[in-house]
């Protein structure tokens, strides 16, 4: 038998009216010195670049104290970004904690944090040409840390078939090529992403994750300061600007450009790479 819907209690409205409490007040987070970063960026020299082909991915390296910039170069295009410590793939971007600390979408002055037991800033956003977008009438905004990445497993579950150019597969191939790891080992290190340029939110009616046409245009960019030595992988999503669908060959897709910039010697005097978390890892069992 189908169970009847539970009756609404008499105090339902009062329960709903309880005000929310921020889970992680972030006023005590270490504040990045954006003025120092800006001065260092002014004299920085471009030292490398990577052009990521549509529906594919590539890897890049950004040493601590360098800047990296992701730019839309030919047409509206979103990208899925993974970050790891360049010398230790176990330290990788933690989208969930970044979301808890900063919100569902991140912009200038906010950071990409690594997972436990490290929990330190990996990269700080220093420039966002789409910062003007804010939150639209649908609750959408850009650069989200809520979507996981398009993947062939969910594609198979919902639509059937074998589609190999989802961002998960793109990132897997790119990491395998960069590190020499077999595909099945590289895949274990691919993780939830920063959806660069993607415009997303949650519907009010059903709470479902939505995407809409990205406001990104050629020349728009998102720039970061590498707080630690980084290995990055960027996928040019098969959804293009994500105005209709992803994980398919139907959308118009475009390349993305990654550029690496090295500051002049002495430009970062007084700055040091952040240390891993100071938690002693005893977990209540004593020293």
C-alpha atoms as a PDB file:
ATOM      1  CA  UNK A   1       0.000   0.000   0.000  1.00  0.00           C
ATOM      2  CA  UNK A   2       1.074   3.551  -0.666  1.00  0.00           C
ATOM      3  CA  UNK A   3       1.650   5.408   2.558  1.00  0.00           C
ATOM      4  CA  UNK A   4      -0.436   8.581   2.928  1.00  0.00           C
ATOM      5  CA  UNK A   5       1.368  11.890   2.966  1.00  0.00           C
ATOM      6  CA  UNK A   6       2.108  12.998   6.552  1.00  0.00           C
ATOM      7  CA  UNK A   7      -0.227  15.623   7.937  1.00  0.00           C
ATOM      8  CA  UNK A   8       1.150  19.119   8.361  1.00  0.00           C
ATOM      9  CA  UNK A   9       1.607  19.910  12.061  1.00  0.00           C
ATOM     10  CA  UNK A  10      -0.194  22.873  13.556  1.00  0.00           C
ATOM     11  CA  UNK A  11       3.095  24.713  14.157  1.00  0.00           C
ATOM     12  CA  UNK A  12       4.466  24.126  10.616  1.00  0.00           C
ATOM     13  CA  UNK A  13       4.728  27.831   9.787  1.00  0.00           C
ATOM     14  CA  UNK A  14       6.529  28.573  13.039  1.00  0.00           C
ATOM     15  CA  UNK A  15       9.065  25.824  12.324  1.00  0.00           C
ATOM     16  CA  UNK A  16       9.689  27.212   8.842  1.00  0.00           C
ATOM     17  CA  UNK A  17      10.120  30.729  10.185  1.00  0.00           C
ATOM     18  CA  UNK A  18      13.153  29.855  12.327  1.00  0.00           C
ATOM     19  CA  UNK A  19      15.972  32.068  10.987  1.00  0.00           C
ATOM     20  CA  UNK A  20      19.053  30.436   9.454  1.00  0.00           C
ATOM     21  CA  UNK A  21      22.500  30.390  11.038  1.00  0.00           C
ATOM     22  CA  UNK A  22      25.701  30.512   8.953  1.00  0.00           C
ATOM     23  CA  UNK A  23      27.496  27.192   9.481  1.00  0.00           C
ATOM     24  CA  UNK A  24      31.034  28.510   9.062  1.00  0.00           C
ATOM     25  CA  UNK A  25      31.359  32.235   9.842  1.00  0.00           C
ATOM     26  CA  UNK A  26      34.422  33.166   7.793  1.00  0.00           C
ATOM     27  CA  UNK A  27      35.503  36.424   9.428  1.00  0.00           C
ATOM     28  CA  UNK A  28      38.523  34.685  10.962  1.00  0.00           C
ATOM     29  CA  UNK A  29      39.802  33.189   7.703  1.00  0.00           C
ATOM     30  CA  UNK A  30      43.284  34.411   6.745  1.00  0.00           C
ATOM     31  CA  UNK A  31      42.844  37.340   4.382  1.00  0.00           C
ATOM     32  CA  UNK A  32      44.884  37.317   1.151  1.00  0.00           C
ATOM     33  CA  UNK A  33      46.949  40.433   0.482  1.00  0.00           C
ATOM     34  CA  UNK A  34      45.337  41.366  -2.832  1.00  0.00           C
ATOM     35  CA  UNK A  35      47.345  44.591  -3.043  1.00  0.00           C
ATOM     36  CA  UNK A  36      50.609  42.640  -2.839  1.00  0.00           C
ATOM     37  CA  UNK A  37      49.360  40.203  -5.462  1.00  0.00           C
ATOM     38  CA  UNK A  38      48.318  43.085  -7.738  1.00  0.00           C
ATOM     39  CA  UNK A  39      51.734  44.703  -7.511  1.00  0.00           C
ATOM     40  CA  UNK A  40      53.422  41.380  -8.241  1.00  0.00           C
ATOM     41  CA  UNK A  41      51.108  40.770 -11.190  1.00  0.00           C
ATOM     42  CA  UNK A  42      51.889  44.171 -12.754  1.00  0.00           C
ATOM     43  CA  UNK A  43      55.478  43.179 -13.474  1.00  0.00           C
ATOM     44  CA  UNK A  44      54.897  39.495 -14.114  1.00  0.00           C
ATOM     45  CA  UNK A  45      56.180  37.823 -17.270  1.00  0.00           C
ATOM     46  CA  UNK A  46      54.312  35.174 -19.215  1.00  0.00           C
ATOM     47  CA  UNK A  47      56.300  31.933 -19.063  1.00  0.00           C
ATOM     48  CA  UNK A  48      53.962  29.264 -20.463  1.00  0.00           C
ATOM     49  CA  UNK A  49      50.585  28.679 -22.043  1.00  0.00           C
ATOM     50  CA  UNK A  50      48.215  25.829 -22.837  1.00  0.00           C
ATOM     51  CA  UNK A  51      45.419  25.888 -25.396  1.00  0.00           C
ATOM     52  CA  UNK A  52      42.723  23.389 -24.408  1.00  0.00           C
ATOM     53  CA  UNK A  53      40.860  22.003 -27.415  1.00  0.00           C
ATOM     54  CA  UNK A  54      37.033  21.821 -27.396  1.00  0.00           C
ATOM     55  CA  UNK A  55      35.667  18.658 -25.701  1.00  0.00           C
ATOM     56  CA  UNK A  56      39.146  17.837 -24.420  1.00  0.00           C
ATOM     57  CA  UNK A  57      41.424  18.668 -21.496  1.00  0.00           C
ATOM     58  CA  UNK A  58      45.038  19.470 -20.757  1.00  0.00           C
ATOM     59  CA  UNK A  59      47.354  19.827 -17.783  1.00  0.00           C
ATOM     60  CA  UNK A  60      49.497  22.768 -16.699  1.00  0.00           C
ATOM     61  CA  UNK A  61      51.861  23.558 -13.831  1.00  0.00           C
ATOM     62  CA  UNK A  62      51.874  26.759 -11.805  1.00  0.00           C
ATOM     63  CA  UNK A  63      54.655  27.034  -9.202  1.00  0.00           C
ATOM     64  CA  UNK A  64      53.887  28.699  -5.883  1.00  0.00           C
ATOM     65  CA  UNK A  65      53.988  32.465  -6.271  1.00  0.00           C
ATOM     66  CA  UNK A  66      52.984  32.386  -9.950  1.00  0.00           C
ATOM     67  CA  UNK A  67      49.716  33.427 -11.529  1.00  0.00           C
ATOM     68  CA  UNK A  68      47.568  31.447 -13.950  1.00  0.00           C
ATOM     69  CA  UNK A  69      44.777  32.816 -16.099  1.00  0.00           C
ATOM     70  CA  UNK A  70      41.945  31.002 -17.899  1.00  0.00           C
ATOM     71  CA  UNK A  71      40.510  32.882 -20.871  1.00  0.00           C
ATOM     72  CA  UNK A  72      37.637  32.306 -23.284  1.00  0.00           C
ATOM     73  CA  UNK A  73      39.241  32.914 -26.665  1.00  0.00           C
ATOM     74  CA  UNK A  74      36.868  32.127 -29.551  1.00  0.00           C
ATOM     75  CA  UNK A  75      33.337  31.797 -28.210  1.00  0.00           C
ATOM     76  CA  UNK A  76      31.288  31.220 -25.055  1.00  0.00           C
ATOM     77  CA  UNK A  77      32.825  28.221 -23.291  1.00  0.00           C
ATOM     78  CA  UNK A  78      32.847  26.867 -19.744  1.00  0.00           C
ATOM     79  CA  UNK A  79      35.626  24.795 -18.205  1.00  0.00           C
ATOM     80  CA  UNK A  80      36.033  22.233 -15.428  1.00  0.00           C
ATOM     81  CA  UNK A  81      39.128  22.791 -13.274  1.00  0.00           C
ATOM     82  CA  UNK A  82      40.970  20.281 -11.054  1.00  0.00           C
ATOM     83  CA  UNK A  83      43.953  21.235  -8.881  1.00  0.00           C
ATOM     84  CA  UNK A  84      46.503  19.061  -7.080  1.00  0.00           C
ATOM     85  CA  UNK A  85      49.715  19.725  -5.180  1.00  0.00           C
ATOM     86  CA  UNK A  86      52.331  19.358  -7.892  1.00  0.00           C
ATOM     87  CA  UNK A  87      54.327  16.837  -5.843  1.00  0.00           C
ATOM     88  CA  UNK A  88      51.505  15.006  -4.061  1.00  0.00           C
ATOM     89  CA  UNK A  89      48.263  14.069  -5.814  1.00  0.00           C
ATOM     90  CA  UNK A  90      46.763  13.205  -2.415  1.00  0.00           C
ATOM     91  CA  UNK A  91      46.420  16.933  -1.757  1.00  0.00           C
ATOM     92  CA  UNK A  92      43.696  18.120  -4.071  1.00  0.00           C
ATOM     93  CA  UNK A  93      40.968  20.717  -4.360  1.00  0.00           C
ATOM     94  CA  UNK A  94      38.065  20.261  -1.933  1.00  0.00           C
ATOM     95  CA  UNK A  95      34.987  21.822  -3.535  1.00  0.00           C
ATOM     96  CA  UNK A  96      32.688  20.979  -0.614  1.00  0.00           C
ATOM     97  CA  UNK A  97      34.738  22.819   1.997  1.00  0.00           C
ATOM     98  CA  UNK A  98      35.367  25.707  -0.396  1.00  0.00           C
ATOM     99  CA  UNK A  99      31.590  25.943  -0.815  1.00  0.00           C
ATOM    100  CA  UNK A 100      31.050  25.814   2.959  1.00  0.00           C
ATOM    101  CA  UNK A 101      33.606  28.578   3.569  1.00  0.00           C
ATOM    102  CA  UNK A 102      32.793  30.935   0.679  1.00  0.00           C
ATOM    103  CA  UNK A 103      29.433  29.992  -0.830  1.00  0.00           C
ATOM    104  CA  UNK A 104      28.120  28.209  -3.906  1.00  0.00           C
ATOM    105  CA  UNK A 105      30.065  30.400  -6.359  1.00  0.00           C
ATOM    106  CA  UNK A 106      33.466  32.008  -5.873  1.00  0.00           C
ATOM    107  CA  UNK A 107      35.061  35.192  -7.170  1.00  0.00           C
ATOM    108  CA  UNK A 108      37.894  37.662  -6.586  1.00  0.00           C
ATOM    109  CA  UNK A 109      39.480  37.454  -3.141  1.00  0.00           C
ATOM    110  CA  UNK A 110      38.153  33.979  -2.448  1.00  0.00           C
ATOM    111  CA  UNK A 111      40.147  30.782  -2.472  1.00  0.00           C
ATOM    112  CA  UNK A 112      40.238  27.174  -3.602  1.00  0.00           C
ATOM    113  CA  UNK A 113      40.974  25.028  -0.532  1.00  0.00           C
ATOM    114  CA  UNK A 114      42.615  21.605  -0.373  1.00  0.00           C
ATOM    115  CA  UNK A 115      41.107  18.593   1.393  1.00  0.00           C
ATOM    116  CA  UNK A 116      41.949  16.943   4.698  1.00  0.00           C
ATOM    117  CA  UNK A 117      44.407  16.657   6.337  1.00  0.00           C
ATOM    118  CA  UNK A 118      45.906  19.692   4.576  1.00  0.00           C
ATOM    119  CA  UNK A 119      43.025  22.223   4.408  1.00  0.00           C
ATOM    120  CA  UNK A 120      45.006  25.189   3.149  1.00  0.00           C
ATOM    121  CA  UNK A 121      44.591  27.662   0.294  1.00  0.00           C
ATOM    122  CA  UNK A 122      45.723  26.223  -3.018  1.00  0.00           C
ATOM    123  CA  UNK A 123      44.855  29.212  -5.205  1.00  0.00           C
ATOM    124  CA  UNK A 124      43.384  32.672  -4.684  1.00  0.00           C
ATOM    125  CA  UNK A 125      41.221  34.352  -7.326  1.00  0.00           C
ATOM    126  CA  UNK A 126      42.847  37.694  -8.103  1.00  0.00           C
ATOM    127  CA  UNK A 127      40.789  38.809 -11.126  1.00  0.00           C
ATOM    128  CA  UNK A 128      37.314  37.905 -12.400  1.00  0.00           C
ATOM    129  CA  UNK A 129      36.023  39.690 -15.492  1.00  0.00           C
ATOM    130  CA  UNK A 130      32.517  38.314 -14.761  1.00  0.00           C
ATOM    131  CA  UNK A 131      32.408  39.626 -11.198  1.00  0.00           C
ATOM    132  CA  UNK A 132      29.734  42.102 -12.366  1.00  0.00           C
ATOM    133  CA  UNK A 133      27.225  39.284 -12.967  1.00  0.00           C
ATOM    134  CA  UNK A 134      26.361  38.729  -9.315  1.00  0.00           C
ATOM    135  CA  UNK A 135      23.234  36.624  -8.676  1.00  0.00           C
ATOM    136  CA  UNK A 136      20.496  36.812 -11.306  1.00  0.00           C
ATOM    137  CA  UNK A 137      16.707  36.612 -10.994  1.00  0.00           C
ATOM    138  CA  UNK A 138      16.792  32.807 -11.169  1.00  0.00           C
ATOM    139  CA  UNK A 139      19.390  32.471  -8.416  1.00  0.00           C
ATOM    140  CA  UNK A 140      22.108  31.753 -10.968  1.00  0.00           C
ATOM    141  CA  UNK A 141      25.715  32.892 -10.710  1.00  0.00           C
ATOM    142  CA  UNK A 142      29.091  32.007 -12.250  1.00  0.00           C
ATOM    143  CA  UNK A 143      32.123  29.906 -11.209  1.00  0.00           C
ATOM    144  CA  UNK A 144      30.303  27.322  -9.112  1.00  0.00           C
ATOM    145  CA  UNK A 145      31.555  24.766  -6.615  1.00  0.00           C
ATOM    146  CA  UNK A 146      28.278  22.833  -6.515  1.00  0.00           C
ATOM    147  CA  UNK A 147      28.331  20.825  -9.741  1.00  0.00           C
ATOM    148  CA  UNK A 148      30.464  17.708  -9.712  1.00  0.00           C
ATOM    149  CA  UNK A 149      31.543  17.579 -13.425  1.00  0.00           C
ATOM    150  CA  UNK A 150      29.801  15.862 -16.325  1.00  0.00           C
ATOM    151  CA  UNK A 151      30.766  12.192 -16.417  1.00  0.00           C
ATOM    152  CA  UNK A 152      30.187   9.062 -18.514  1.00  0.00           C
ATOM    153  CA  UNK A 153      28.647   7.126 -15.619  1.00  0.00           C
ATOM    154  CA  UNK A 154      25.734   9.522 -15.090  1.00  0.00           C
ATOM    155  CA  UNK A 155      25.400   9.877 -18.871  1.00  0.00           C
ATOM    156  CA  UNK A 156      25.075   6.104 -19.157  1.00  0.00           C
ATOM    157  CA  UNK A 157      22.605   5.991 -16.261  1.00  0.00           C
ATOM    158  CA  UNK A 158      20.294   8.654 -17.694  1.00  0.00           C
ATOM    159  CA  UNK A 159      20.706   8.246 -21.451  1.00  0.00           C
ATOM    160  CA  UNK A 160      22.554   4.993 -22.064  1.00  0.00           C
ATOM    161  CA  UNK A 161      25.483   4.647 -24.440  1.00  0.00           C
ATOM    162  CA  UNK A 162      29.194   5.283 -24.103  1.00  0.00           C
ATOM    163  CA  UNK A 163      30.224   8.937 -24.316  1.00  0.00           C
ATOM    164  CA  UNK A 164      33.932   9.507 -23.756  1.00  0.00           C
ATOM    165  CA  UNK A 165      34.298  13.297 -23.867  1.00  0.00           C
ATOM    166  CA  UNK A 166      32.589  14.161 -20.601  1.00  0.00           C
ATOM    167  CA  UNK A 167      34.759  16.377 -18.401  1.00  0.00           C
ATOM    168  CA  UNK A 168      35.488  13.473 -16.039  1.00  0.00           C
ATOM    169  CA  UNK A 169      36.951  11.420 -18.879  1.00  0.00           C
ATOM    170  CA  UNK A 170      38.727  14.442 -20.357  1.00  0.00           C
ATOM    171  CA  UNK A 171      40.419  15.163 -17.022  1.00  0.00           C
ATOM    172  CA  UNK A 172      41.280  11.481 -16.558  1.00  0.00           C
ATOM    173  CA  UNK A 173      43.023  11.289 -19.938  1.00  0.00           C
ATOM    174  CA  UNK A 174      44.867  14.561 -19.341  1.00  0.00           C
ATOM    175  CA  UNK A 175      46.157  13.489 -15.915  1.00  0.00           C
ATOM    176  CA  UNK A 176      47.202  10.078 -17.236  1.00  0.00           C
ATOM    177  CA  UNK A 177      49.124  11.721 -20.075  1.00  0.00           C
ATOM    178  CA  UNK A 178      50.804  14.213 -17.732  1.00  0.00           C
ATOM    179  CA  UNK A 179      51.829  11.744 -15.028  1.00  0.00           C
ATOM    180  CA  UNK A 180      52.213   8.459 -16.912  1.00  0.00           C
ATOM    181  CA  UNK A 181      49.639   6.816 -14.645  1.00  0.00           C
ATOM    182  CA  UNK A 182      47.365   4.147 -16.160  1.00  0.00           C
ATOM    183  CA  UNK A 183      43.867   5.469 -16.854  1.00  0.00           C
ATOM    184  CA  UNK A 184      42.273   3.537 -13.984  1.00  0.00           C
ATOM    185  CA  UNK A 185      44.786   4.982 -11.500  1.00  0.00           C
ATOM    186  CA  UNK A 186      44.565   8.510 -12.866  1.00  0.00           C
ATOM    187  CA  UNK A 187      40.775   8.370 -12.605  1.00  0.00           C
ATOM    188  CA  UNK A 188      40.982   7.933  -8.829  1.00  0.00           C
ATOM    189  CA  UNK A 189      42.588  11.355  -8.530  1.00  0.00           C
ATOM    190  CA  UNK A 190      40.013  13.238 -10.618  1.00  0.00           C
ATOM    191  CA  UNK A 191      37.712  15.140  -8.284  1.00  0.00           C
ATOM    192  CA  UNK A 192      34.856  17.607  -8.054  1.00  0.00           C
ATOM    193  CA  UNK A 193      35.659  20.779  -9.908  1.00  0.00           C
ATOM    194  CA  UNK A 194      35.493  24.521 -10.027  1.00  0.00           C
ATOM    195  CA  UNK A 195      33.100  25.133 -12.921  1.00  0.00           C
ATOM    196  CA  UNK A 196      34.867  28.075 -14.526  1.00  0.00           C
ATOM    197  CA  UNK A 197      32.494  30.509 -16.318  1.00  0.00           C
ATOM    198  CA  UNK A 198      29.516  28.141 -15.834  1.00  0.00           C
ATOM    199  CA  UNK A 199      26.256  29.836 -14.755  1.00  0.00           C
ATOM    200  CA  UNK A 200      24.307  27.658 -12.325  1.00  0.00           C
ATOM    201  CA  UNK A 201      22.019  27.587  -9.327  1.00  0.00           C
ATOM    202  CA  UNK A 202      19.184  25.663  -7.698  1.00  0.00           C
ATOM    203  CA  UNK A 203      15.514  25.920  -8.637  1.00  0.00           C
ATOM    204  CA  UNK A 204      13.253  27.289  -5.922  1.00  0.00           C
ATOM    205  CA  UNK A 205      10.457  24.831  -6.738  1.00  0.00           C
ATOM    206  CA  UNK A 206      12.332  21.523  -6.695  1.00  0.00           C
ATOM    207  CA  UNK A 207      15.838  22.361  -5.458  1.00  0.00           C
ATOM    208  CA  UNK A 208      17.336  20.913  -8.646  1.00  0.00           C
ATOM    209  CA  UNK A 209      20.745  21.977  -9.925  1.00  0.00           C
ATOM    210  CA  UNK A 210      20.314  24.034 -13.089  1.00  0.00           C
ATOM    211  CA  UNK A 211      22.566  25.536 -15.722  1.00  0.00           C
ATOM    212  CA  UNK A 212      21.904  28.357 -18.149  1.00  0.00           C
ATOM    213  CA  UNK A 213      23.763  30.120 -20.931  1.00  0.00           C
ATOM    214  CA  UNK A 214      27.036  31.431 -19.547  1.00  0.00           C
ATOM    215  CA  UNK A 215      27.585  35.204 -19.817  1.00  0.00           C
ATOM    216  CA  UNK A 216      31.213  34.527 -20.803  1.00  0.00           C
ATOM    217  CA  UNK A 217      32.462  36.090 -24.039  1.00  0.00           C
ATOM    218  CA  UNK A 218      35.844  35.954 -25.802  1.00  0.00           C
ATOM    219  CA  UNK A 219      38.331  37.892 -23.716  1.00  0.00           C
ATOM    220  CA  UNK A 220      36.663  37.153 -20.392  1.00  0.00           C
ATOM    221  CA  UNK A 221      39.060  35.590 -17.911  1.00  0.00           C
ATOM    222  CA  UNK A 222      39.479  34.242 -14.412  1.00  0.00           C
ATOM    223  CA  UNK A 223      42.921  34.668 -12.872  1.00  0.00           C
ATOM    224  CA  UNK A 224      44.480  32.952  -9.860  1.00  0.00           C
ATOM    225  CA  UNK A 225      47.524  33.246  -7.631  1.00  0.00           C
ATOM    226  CA  UNK A 226      49.135  29.859  -6.910  1.00  0.00           C
ATOM    227  CA  UNK A 227      49.566  29.619  -3.139  1.00  0.00           C
ATOM    228  CA  UNK A 228      51.394  26.272  -3.397  1.00  0.00           C
ATOM    229  CA  UNK A 229      53.087  24.372  -6.239  1.00  0.00           C
ATOM    230  CA  UNK A 230      50.181  23.320  -8.431  1.00  0.00           C
ATOM    231  CA  UNK A 231      49.371  20.772 -11.084  1.00  0.00           C
ATOM    232  CA  UNK A 232      46.148  21.759 -12.811  1.00  0.00           C
ATOM    233  CA  UNK A 233      43.892  20.108 -15.358  1.00  0.00           C
ATOM    234  CA  UNK A 234      41.260  22.000 -17.328  1.00  0.00           C
ATOM    235  CA  UNK A 235      38.503  20.512 -19.487  1.00  0.00           C
ATOM    236  CA  UNK A 236      36.723  22.531 -22.171  1.00  0.00           C
ATOM    237  CA  UNK A 237      33.267  21.133 -21.396  1.00  0.00           C
ATOM    238  CA  UNK A 238      31.308  19.373 -24.173  1.00  0.00           C
ATOM    239  CA  UNK A 239      28.368  21.573 -23.175  1.00  0.00           C
ATOM    240  CA  UNK A 240      29.957  24.696 -24.673  1.00  0.00           C
ATOM    241  CA  UNK A 241      28.260  27.575 -22.869  1.00  0.00           C
ATOM    242  CA  UNK A 242      25.857  25.085 -21.185  1.00  0.00           C
ATOM    243  CA  UNK A 243      22.784  26.838 -22.595  1.00  0.00           C
ATOM    244  CA  UNK A 244      21.069  23.570 -23.553  1.00  0.00           C
ATOM    245  CA  UNK A 245      22.851  20.344 -22.664  1.00  0.00           C
ATOM    246  CA  UNK A 246      26.224  18.844 -21.889  1.00  0.00           C
ATOM    247  CA  UNK A 247      27.914  15.480 -22.422  1.00  0.00           C
ATOM    248  CA  UNK A 248      27.104  15.478 -26.127  1.00  0.00           C
ATOM    249  CA  UNK A 249      28.449  16.506 -29.513  1.00  0.00           C
ATOM    250  CA  UNK A 250      25.469  18.787 -30.179  1.00  0.00           C
ATOM    251  CA  UNK A 251      26.643  21.965 -28.449  1.00  0.00           C
ATOM    252  CA  UNK A 252      28.917  24.522 -30.092  1.00  0.00           C
ATOM    253  CA  UNK A 253      32.238  24.256 -28.239  1.00  0.00           C
ATOM    254  CA  UNK A 254      35.337  26.440 -28.219  1.00  0.00           C
ATOM    255  CA  UNK A 255      38.897  26.264 -26.868  1.00  0.00           C
ATOM    256  CA  UNK A 256      40.118  27.736 -23.591  1.00  0.00           C
ATOM    257  CA  UNK A 257      43.507  29.343 -23.020  1.00  0.00           C
ATOM    258  CA  UNK A 258      45.591  28.876 -19.873  1.00  0.00           C
ATOM    259  CA  UNK A 259      48.547  31.234 -19.336  1.00  0.00           C
ATOM    260  CA  UNK A 260      51.166  31.143 -16.574  1.00  0.00           C
ATOM    261  CA  UNK A 261      52.883  34.314 -15.329  1.00  0.00           C
ATOM    262  CA  UNK A 262      56.001  34.605 -13.155  1.00  0.00           C
ATOM    263  CA  UNK A 263      56.443  37.736 -10.978  1.00  0.00           C
ATOM    264  CA  UNK A 264      59.690  39.648 -11.049  1.00  0.00           C
ATOM    265  CA  UNK A 265      62.305  38.685  -8.437  1.00  0.00           C
ATOM    266  CA  UNK A 266      61.510  40.285  -5.090  1.00  0.00           C
ATOM    267  CA  UNK A 267      57.945  41.201  -6.053  1.00  0.00           C
ATOM    268  CA  UNK A 268      56.507  38.939  -3.370  1.00  0.00           C
ATOM    269  CA  UNK A 269      58.797  39.896  -0.489  1.00  0.00           C
ATOM    270  CA  UNK A 270      56.981  39.133   2.754  1.00  0.00           C
ATOM    271  CA  UNK A 271      54.791  36.420   1.236  1.00  0.00           C
ATOM    272  CA  UNK A 272      55.165  32.732   2.055  1.00  0.00           C
ATOM    273  CA  UNK A 273      53.312  29.648   0.929  1.00  0.00           C
ATOM    274  CA  UNK A 274      50.650  28.624   3.482  1.00  0.00           C
ATOM    275  CA  UNK A 275      51.395  25.654   5.727  1.00  0.00           C
ATOM    276  CA  UNK A 276      49.031  22.683   5.991  1.00  0.00           C
ATOM    277  CA  UNK A 277      46.401  22.654   8.735  1.00  0.00           C
ATOM    278  CA  UNK A 278      47.713  22.907  12.300  1.00  0.00           C
ATOM    279  CA  UNK A 279      45.319  20.240  13.592  1.00  0.00           C
ATOM    280  CA  UNK A 280      47.330  17.536  15.397  1.00  0.00           C
ATOM    281  CA  UNK A 281      45.356  14.627  13.849  1.00  0.00           C
ATOM    282  CA  UNK A 282      44.975  12.869  17.204  1.00  0.00           C
ATOM    283  CA  UNK A 283      41.169  12.693  16.743  1.00  0.00           C
ATOM    284  CA  UNK A 284      40.601  12.546  20.473  1.00  0.00           C
ATOM    285  CA  UNK A 285      42.923   9.592  21.109  1.00  0.00           C
ATOM    286  CA  UNK A 286      45.749  11.600  22.655  1.00  0.00           C
ATOM    287  CA  UNK A 287      49.339  11.996  21.490  1.00  0.00           C
END
